[in-house]
C-alpha atoms as a PDB file:
ATOM      1  CA  MET A   1       1.097 -21.271  -7.885  1.00  0.00           C
ATOM      2  CA  ALA A   2       1.111 -18.596 -10.583  1.00  0.00           C
ATOM      3  CA  PRO A   3       3.980 -16.099 -10.569  1.00  0.00           C
ATOM      4  CA  THR A   4       3.279 -12.623  -9.213  1.00  0.00           C
ATOM      5  CA  PRO A   5       3.738 -10.046 -11.968  1.00  0.00           C
ATOM      6  CA  GLY A   6       6.155  -7.239 -11.187  1.00  0.00           C
ATOM      7  CA  ILE A   7       3.815  -4.257 -11.482  1.00  0.00           C
ATOM      8  CA  ARG A   8       5.822  -1.934  -9.280  1.00  0.00           C
ATOM      9  CA  PRO A   9       5.794   0.922  -8.824  1.00  0.00           C
ATOM     10  CA  VAL A  10       2.092   1.570  -8.463  1.00  0.00           C
ATOM     11  CA  GLY A  11       1.396   5.279  -8.830  1.00  0.00           C
ATOM     12  CA  ASP A  12       3.422   7.163  -6.246  1.00  0.00           C
ATOM     13  CA  LEU A  13       3.455   4.286  -3.746  1.00  0.00           C
ATOM     14  CA  PRO A  14       6.937   3.162  -2.717  1.00  0.00           C
ATOM     15  CA  GLY A  15       8.269   0.292  -4.796  1.00  0.00           C
ATOM     16  CA  THR A  16       9.725  -1.376  -1.714  1.00  0.00           C
ATOM     17  CA  ILE A  17       6.364  -2.619  -0.387  1.00  0.00           C
ATOM     18  CA  GLY A  18       6.621  -5.926  -2.236  1.00  0.00           C
ATOM     19  CA  LYS A  19       5.140  -7.362  -5.418  1.00  0.00           C
ATOM     20  CA  THR A  20       2.099  -8.960  -3.834  1.00  0.00           C
ATOM     21  CA  ALA A  21       1.210  -5.880  -1.781  1.00  0.00           C
ATOM     22  CA  ALA A  22       1.609  -3.627  -4.831  1.00  0.00           C
ATOM     23  CA  ARG A  23      -0.547  -5.896  -6.984  1.00  0.00           C
ATOM     24  CA  GLU A  24      -3.307  -6.269  -4.404  1.00  0.00           C
ATOM     25  CA  LEU A  25      -3.406  -2.559  -3.545  1.00  0.00           C
ATOM     26  CA  SER A  26      -3.688  -1.803  -7.255  1.00  0.00           C
ATOM     27  CA  HIS A  27      -6.550  -4.312  -7.591  1.00  0.00           C
ATOM     28  CA  HIS A  28      -8.318  -2.481  -4.738  1.00  0.00           C
ATOM     29  CA  GLY A  29      -7.949   0.869  -6.528  1.00  0.00           C
ATOM     30  CA  ILE A  30      -5.254   2.143  -4.166  1.00  0.00           C
ATOM     31  CA  ASP A  31      -2.684   3.598  -6.521  1.00  0.00           C
ATOM     32  CA  SER A  32      -1.592   6.795  -4.789  1.00  0.00           C
ATOM     33  CA  LEU A  33      -0.616   8.069  -1.366  1.00  0.00           C
ATOM     34  CA  ASP A  34      -3.753  10.242  -1.343  1.00  0.00           C
ATOM     35  CA  ARG A  35      -5.944   7.163  -1.814  1.00  0.00           C
ATOM     36  CA  MET A  36      -3.842   5.292   0.741  1.00  0.00           C
ATOM     37  CA  ALA A  37      -4.529   8.027   3.301  1.00  0.00           C
ATOM     38  CA  SER A  38      -8.274   7.385   3.047  1.00  0.00           C
ATOM     39  CA  HIS A  39      -7.813   3.873   4.497  1.00  0.00           C
ATOM     40  CA  SER A  40      -7.006   2.772   8.026  1.00  0.00           C
ATOM     41  CA  LYS A  41      -4.179   0.403   8.870  1.00  0.00           C
ATOM     42  CA  LYS A  42      -6.779  -2.192   9.827  1.00  0.00           C
ATOM     43  CA  GLN A  43      -8.478  -1.938   6.419  1.00  0.00           C
ATOM     44  CA  LEU A  44      -5.154  -2.256   4.626  1.00  0.00           C
ATOM     45  CA  LEU A  45      -3.990  -5.216   6.723  1.00  0.00           C
ATOM     46  CA  ALA A  46      -7.164  -7.039   5.644  1.00  0.00           C
ATOM     47  CA  ILE A  47      -5.893  -6.966   2.036  1.00  0.00           C
ATOM     48  CA  HIS A  48      -3.990 -10.094   1.004  1.00  0.00           C
ATOM     49  CA  GLY A  49      -0.258  -9.422   0.812  1.00  0.00           C
ATOM     50  CA  VAL A  50      -0.308  -6.254   2.902  1.00  0.00           C
ATOM     51  CA  GLY A  51       1.467  -6.963   6.171  1.00  0.00           C
ATOM     52  CA  PRO A  52       3.243  -5.065   8.931  1.00  0.00           C
ATOM     53  CA  LYS A  53       6.320  -4.381   6.796  1.00  0.00           C
ATOM     54  CA  ALA A  54       4.250  -2.816   3.995  1.00  0.00           C
ATOM     55  CA  ILE A  55       2.283  -0.774   6.551  1.00  0.00           C
ATOM     56  CA  ARG A  56       5.546   0.545   8.040  1.00  0.00           C
ATOM     57  CA  ILE A  57       6.923   1.500   4.624  1.00  0.00           C
ATOM     58  CA  LEU A  58       3.651   3.082   3.547  1.00  0.00           C
ATOM     59  CA  GLY A  59       3.351   4.970   6.842  1.00  0.00           C
ATOM     60  CA  GLU A  60       6.823   6.432   6.348  1.00  0.00           C
ATOM     61  CA  SER A  61       5.940   7.543   2.815  1.00  0.00           C
ATOM     62  CA  LEU A  62       2.674   9.073   3.980  1.00  0.00           C
ATOM     63  CA  ALA A  63       4.463  10.984   6.755  1.00  0.00           C
ATOM     64  CA  GLN A  64       7.092  12.306   4.323  1.00  0.00           C
ATOM     65  CA  ASN A  65       4.244  13.768   2.289  1.00  0.00           C
ATOM     66  CA  GLY A  66       2.326  15.243   5.232  1.00  0.00           C
ATOM     67  CA  LEU A  67      -0.298  12.491   5.193  1.00  0.00           C
ATOM     68  CA  ASP A  68      -1.383   9.719   7.554  1.00  0.00           C
ATOM     69  CA  PHE A  69      -3.629   6.677   7.566  1.00  0.00           C
ATOM     70  CA  SER A  70      -7.332   7.244   8.211  1.00  0.00           C
ATOM     71  CA  ALA A  71      -8.380   6.849  11.852  1.00  0.00           C
ATOM     72  CA  SER A  72     -11.447   4.779  10.942  1.00  0.00           C
END
């Protein structure tokens, strides 16, 4: 298996979400909390490497910035 490049941080996303989650979110064009807020938890969980821990961390960061995940 190829090593996962350390591309953290991605935009203003928290660097604690994990290398794979950061890489995959970046590949899907999600590189900011504003872009993150336009996606639902379900949509994000469908992305390889984005699991419950990343969702929790991202949710906390969104809340600290007055944002939330999309409802749809």
